[in-house]
Amino acid sequence: EYLIIPKLFVTKIQRQFSAVVKSFWFFFSDLTVFSEEDFDHFSFCHSNMRPTIYLFGDSITEASFADGGWGAALANHFCRTLDVVLRGYSGYNTRWALKVLDRVFPTVGHDGAAAAPPVAKRWPKTLILLITPPPIDEDGRLRHPYVENPSGLPERTNEAAGSFAKACVETAEECGIPVVDLWTRMQQYTDWRKAYLSDGLHLTKEGNKVVFEEVMKKLEERGLSLEKLKADLPLIADIDHHDPLKAFQQ
């Protein structure tokens, strides 16, 4: 199984990120997982054997299946090889994520998590990918406030988003898992405010494209690519129309 966790926006404390990551390692411990080596030995001839990518996050994740969204792009890219499952919850922060894990990802055996060894050693075939928050366009937030804002100050700042991104990157390094530093990546483009953000916070189609491309780079670095994955059922070109069932018996 593969789990992609875009930022949960409000909380900035690194230990809460660590708690979320370690909890995810536990929640996915009993699920069927496939490593790069497994792809050489398994023939995905049944839909229930498709690997799964779970997207878990806040509003940017929830909107990722909209037209031009990065989640929809992932689902389209891997349409014959794996499933992309959306679990996005607008407005949720990291503290709340810890409270809802067992409802989002039902499992059993919670007592076993108390004395778990390092996550990467216990579940080496489970891949977790973190994504930092994007940068914040403070002027954009003032133009598009959620509620009336008489203070004249943005409710979010790019500095705070940067601190959160730093904590996310440090957590990934601590846990030995990949991370997409969206906050840094987007600001490498001069016109990032207009090009990538629709309201100073949420993503435009171009912003979604950046997320998709960066996520794909990390997945491919871990061997998760169309070249490595097999189709869940035979492709039409591989089916003999005179003896079609033969292809399903291989």
Protein backbone atom coordinates (compact mmCIF):
# COMPACT_ATOMS: atom_id res chain seq x y z
CA GLU A 1 0.00 0.00 0.00
CA TYR A 2 1.10 3.55 -0.60
CA LEU A 3 0.04 6.55 1.45
CA ILE A 4 0.45 10.15 0.39
CA ILE A 5 -0.12 12.72 3.11
CA PRO A 6 -0.33 16.33 2.00
CA LYS A 7 -0.03 18.81 4.83
CA LEU A 8 -2.78 19.21 7.41
CA PHE A 9 -2.55 22.94 7.55
CA VAL A 10 -2.93 24.53 10.99
CA THR A 11 -0.58 22.74 13.37
CA LYS A 12 3.15 23.51 13.18
CA ILE A 13 4.58 21.14 15.82
CA GLN A 14 6.96 18.53 14.44
CA ARG A 15 6.15 15.87 17.03
CA GLN A 16 2.52 15.83 15.87
CA PHE A 17 3.72 15.07 12.35
CA SER A 18 5.81 12.24 13.79
CA ALA A 19 2.79 10.88 15.64
CA VAL A 20 0.71 10.89 12.46
CA VAL A 21 3.44 9.15 10.45
CA LYS A 22 4.08 6.49 13.09
CA SER A 23 0.35 5.91 13.46
CA PHE A 24 0.04 5.37 9.72
CA TRP A 25 2.81 2.78 9.78
CA PHE A 26 0.78 0.91 12.38
CA PHE A 27 -2.54 1.24 10.59
CA PHE A 28 -1.11 -0.17 7.37
CA SER A 29 0.86 -2.96 9.02
CA ASP A 30 -1.73 -5.70 8.43
CA LEU A 31 -2.65 -4.75 4.86
CA THR A 32 -1.33 -6.54 1.79
CA VAL A 33 1.63 -4.57 0.45
CA PHE A 34 3.87 -4.89 -2.57
CA SER A 35 7.50 -3.90 -2.93
CA GLU A 36 9.37 -3.35 -6.17
CA GLU A 37 10.58 -6.95 -6.02
CA ASP A 38 7.01 -8.18 -5.62
CA PHE A 39 6.04 -6.72 -8.99
CA ASP A 40 8.28 -9.28 -10.66
CA HIS A 41 6.50 -12.19 -8.97
CA PHE A 42 2.84 -11.20 -8.78
CA SER A 43 0.44 -11.22 -11.69
CA PHE A 44 -2.32 -8.77 -10.92
CA CYS A 45 -5.14 -10.78 -12.48
CA HIS A 46 -7.73 -9.83 -9.88
CA SER A 47 -8.92 -6.34 -9.01
CA ASN A 48 -8.49 -6.98 -5.28
CA MET A 49 -4.75 -7.44 -5.83
CA ARG A 50 -4.21 -3.94 -7.19
CA PRO A 51 -1.89 -1.85 -5.04
CA THR A 52 -3.55 1.20 -3.52
CA ILE A 53 -2.50 4.81 -3.04
CA TYR A 54 -4.35 6.61 -0.25
CA LEU A 55 -4.46 10.41 -0.28
CA PHE A 56 -5.06 11.74 3.23
CA GLY A 57 -5.14 15.44 4.00
CA ASP A 58 -7.22 18.60 4.15
CA SER A 59 -8.98 20.79 1.56
CA ILE A 60 -6.15 20.65 -0.97
CA THR A 61 -6.47 16.88 -0.86
CA GLU A 62 -10.27 16.95 -0.90
CA ALA A 63 -10.19 19.09 -4.06
CA SER A 64 -7.53 16.95 -5.72
CA PHE A 65 -10.13 14.97 -7.69
CA ALA A 66 -11.65 18.11 -9.22
CA ASP A 67 -11.09 18.97 -12.88
CA GLY A 68 -7.34 19.33 -13.31
CA GLY A 69 -6.63 18.09 -9.78
CA TRP A 70 -3.44 16.25 -8.89
CA GLY A 71 -5.31 13.31 -7.34
CA ALA A 72 -7.39 12.85 -10.48
CA ALA A 73 -4.19 12.97 -12.52
CA LEU A 74 -2.70 10.20 -10.38
CA ALA A 75 -5.83 8.06 -10.78
CA ASN A 76 -5.76 8.59 -14.54
CA HIS A 77 -2.04 7.85 -14.81
CA PHE A 78 -2.34 4.55 -12.93
CA CYS A 79 -5.85 3.68 -14.16
CA ARG A 80 -5.04 0.07 -15.14
CA THR A 81 -2.47 -0.71 -12.47
CA LEU A 82 -3.53 0.56 -9.04
CA ASP A 83 -6.30 2.35 -7.16
CA VAL A 84 -6.13 5.91 -5.85
CA VAL A 85 -8.39 6.40 -2.83
CA LEU A 86 -9.31 9.92 -1.73
CA ARG A 87 -9.57 10.77 1.95
CA GLY A 88 -9.48 14.56 2.04
CA TYR A 89 -11.15 16.56 4.81
CA SER A 90 -11.45 20.30 4.31
CA GLY A 91 -10.37 22.37 7.32
CA TYR A 92 -8.82 19.47 9.25
CA ASN A 93 -5.49 19.95 11.00
CA THR A 94 -2.84 17.51 12.23
CA ARG A 95 -4.30 17.22 15.74
CA TRP A 96 -7.66 16.20 14.33
CA ALA A 97 -6.00 13.70 11.97
CA LEU A 98 -4.68 11.76 14.95
CA LYS A 99 -8.22 11.50 16.31
CA VAL A 100 -9.84 10.14 13.16
CA LEU A 101 -7.30 7.58 11.92
CA ASP A 102 -9.31 4.58 13.10
CA ARG A 103 -12.40 5.90 11.31
CA VAL A 104 -10.60 6.69 8.08
CA PHE A 105 -8.52 3.49 8.07
CA PRO A 106 -10.38 0.85 10.16
CA THR A 107 -8.11 -1.83 11.61
CA VAL A 108 -7.61 -4.00 14.66
CA GLY A 109 -4.80 -4.68 17.09
CA HIS A 110 -4.19 -1.19 18.48
CA ASP A 111 -2.37 -2.59 21.51
CA GLY A 112 0.44 -3.76 19.27
CA ALA A 113 1.48 -0.22 18.46
CA ALA A 114 2.73 0.55 21.95
CA ALA A 115 6.16 -1.03 21.64
CA ALA A 116 6.65 -1.00 17.89
CA PRO A 117 10.20 -1.05 16.48
CA PRO A 118 11.37 1.59 13.99
CA VAL A 119 8.69 1.90 11.34
CA ALA A 120 10.92 1.40 8.31
CA LYS A 121 12.28 -1.88 9.71
CA ARG A 122 8.93 -3.30 10.72
CA TRP A 123 7.05 -2.47 7.52
CA PRO A 124 9.65 -1.95 4.79
CA LYS A 125 7.12 -2.49 1.99
CA THR A 126 4.78 0.30 3.06
CA LEU A 127 5.60 3.63 1.46
CA ILE A 128 4.52 6.89 3.09
CA LEU A 129 5.09 10.13 1.20
CA LEU A 130 4.68 13.49 2.95
CA ILE A 131 3.85 16.73 1.16
CA THR A 132 4.54 20.10 2.78
CA PRO A 133 2.05 22.97 2.58
CA PRO A 134 2.33 25.23 -0.44
CA PRO A 135 3.49 28.81 0.07
CA ILE A 136 0.93 31.41 1.10
CA ASP A 137 0.12 34.53 -0.90
CA GLU A 138 -0.84 36.87 1.92
CA ASP A 139 -2.34 39.51 -0.38
CA GLY A 140 -4.41 36.78 -1.98
CA ARG A 141 -5.74 35.74 1.42
CA LEU A 142 -6.80 39.32 2.13
CA ARG A 143 -8.67 39.42 -1.19
CA HIS A 144 -10.36 36.08 -0.54
CA PRO A 145 -11.06 35.81 3.22
CA TYR A 146 -13.20 32.98 4.55
CA VAL A 147 -15.03 35.37 6.86
CA GLU A 148 -15.11 39.14 7.34
CA ASN A 149 -11.64 40.26 8.39
CA PRO A 150 -11.65 43.80 9.85
CA SER A 151 -8.05 43.46 11.11
CA GLY A 152 -6.60 43.99 7.65
CA LEU A 153 -4.12 41.18 8.31
CA PRO A 154 -4.08 37.80 6.57
CA GLU A 155 -5.21 34.86 8.72
CA ARG A 156 -2.24 32.89 7.34
CA THR A 157 1.32 33.94 6.62
CA ASN A 158 3.95 32.51 4.32
CA GLU A 159 6.43 32.53 7.19
CA ALA A 160 4.18 30.25 9.26
CA ALA A 161 3.66 27.96 6.27
CA GLY A 162 7.43 27.80 5.87
CA SER A 163 7.87 26.76 9.50
CA PHE A 164 5.30 24.04 9.01
CA ALA A 165 7.02 22.90 5.82
CA LYS A 166 10.35 22.74 7.65
CA ALA A 167 8.79 20.55 10.37
CA CYS A 168 7.33 18.29 7.69
CA VAL A 169 10.72 17.88 5.98
CA GLU A 170 12.48 17.22 9.30
CA THR A 171 9.88 14.61 10.22
CA ALA A 172 10.36 12.84 6.90
CA GLU A 173 14.12 12.79 7.46
CA GLU A 174 13.64 11.49 11.01
CA CYS A 175 11.37 8.68 9.83
CA GLY A 176 13.37 7.91 6.70
CA ILE A 177 10.51 8.55 4.29
CA PRO A 178 10.27 10.67 1.12
CA VAL A 179 8.85 14.18 1.14
CA VAL A 180 7.75 16.70 -1.47
CA ASP A 181 8.78 20.18 -0.32
CA LEU A 182 6.02 22.02 -2.11
CA TRP A 183 6.65 25.24 -0.17
CA THR A 184 10.18 25.53 -1.56
CA ARG A 185 9.47 24.09 -5.00
CA MET A 186 6.67 26.49 -5.88
CA GLN A 187 8.57 29.60 -4.84
CA GLN A 188 11.30 28.80 -7.33
CA TYR A 189 8.94 30.22 -9.97
CA THR A 190 8.83 34.03 -10.03
CA ASP A 191 5.08 34.35 -10.64
CA TRP A 192 4.05 31.55 -8.24
CA ARG A 193 1.37 33.61 -6.50
CA LYS A 194 -0.79 34.03 -9.60
CA ALA A 195 0.27 30.88 -11.41
CA TYR A 196 -0.16 28.33 -8.63
CA LEU A 197 -2.67 29.76 -6.11
CA SER A 198 -6.30 30.65 -6.77
CA ASP A 199 -7.03 32.47 -3.51
CA GLY A 200 -3.65 32.73 -1.85
CA LEU A 201 -3.96 29.20 -0.43
CA HIS A 202 -5.67 26.69 -2.72
CA LEU A 203 -4.24 25.46 -5.99
CA THR A 204 -4.91 26.44 -9.57
CA LYS A 205 -4.70 23.84 -12.33
CA GLU A 206 -1.05 24.80 -12.80
CA GLY A 207 -0.47 24.40 -9.07
CA ASN A 208 -2.08 20.96 -9.19
CA LYS A 209 0.19 20.07 -12.09
CA VAL A 210 3.25 20.90 -9.99
CA VAL A 211 2.01 18.64 -7.17
CA PHE A 212 1.34 15.77 -9.59
CA GLU A 213 4.77 16.08 -11.20
CA GLU A 214 6.61 16.24 -7.87
CA VAL A 215 4.67 13.29 -6.44
CA MET A 216 5.35 11.25 -9.56
CA LYS A 217 9.09 11.93 -9.25
CA LYS A 218 9.11 10.55 -5.70
CA LEU A 219 7.02 7.51 -6.61
CA GLU A 220 9.21 6.68 -9.58
CA GLU A 221 12.33 7.00 -7.41
CA ARG A 222 10.80 4.22 -5.27
CA GLY A 223 10.10 2.00 -8.26
CA LEU A 224 6.40 2.78 -8.55
CA SER A 225 5.96 3.40 -12.27
CA LEU A 226 3.96 2.06 -15.18
CA GLU A 227 7.05 0.18 -16.31
CA LYS A 228 7.21 -1.69 -12.99
CA LEU A 229 3.49 -2.23 -12.40
CA LYS A 230 1.47 -4.82 -14.26
CA ALA A 231 -2.07 -4.25 -15.48
CA ASP A 232 -4.74 -5.78 -13.26
CA LEU A 233 -6.21 -7.68 -16.22
CA PRO A 234 -4.81 -8.50 -19.67
CA LEU A 235 -4.66 -5.64 -22.15
CA ILE A 236 -6.80 -5.99 -25.25
CA ALA A 237 -3.69 -6.41 -27.41
CA ASP A 238 -2.70 -9.46 -25.36
CA ILE A 239 -6.02 -11.28 -25.77
CA ASP A 240 -6.43 -13.86 -28.51
CA HIS A 241 -9.93 -13.30 -29.88
CA HIS A 242 -10.09 -16.92 -31.01
CA ASP A 243 -9.26 -18.12 -27.49
CA PRO A 244 -9.86 -15.16 -25.15
CA LEU A 245 -9.96 -17.12 -21.90
CA LYS A 246 -6.37 -18.25 -22.37
CA ALA A 247 -5.10 -14.78 -21.46
CA PHE A 248 -6.89 -14.93 -18.10
CA GLN A 249 -5.30 -18.24 -17.17
CA GLN A 250 -1.71 -17.05 -17.39
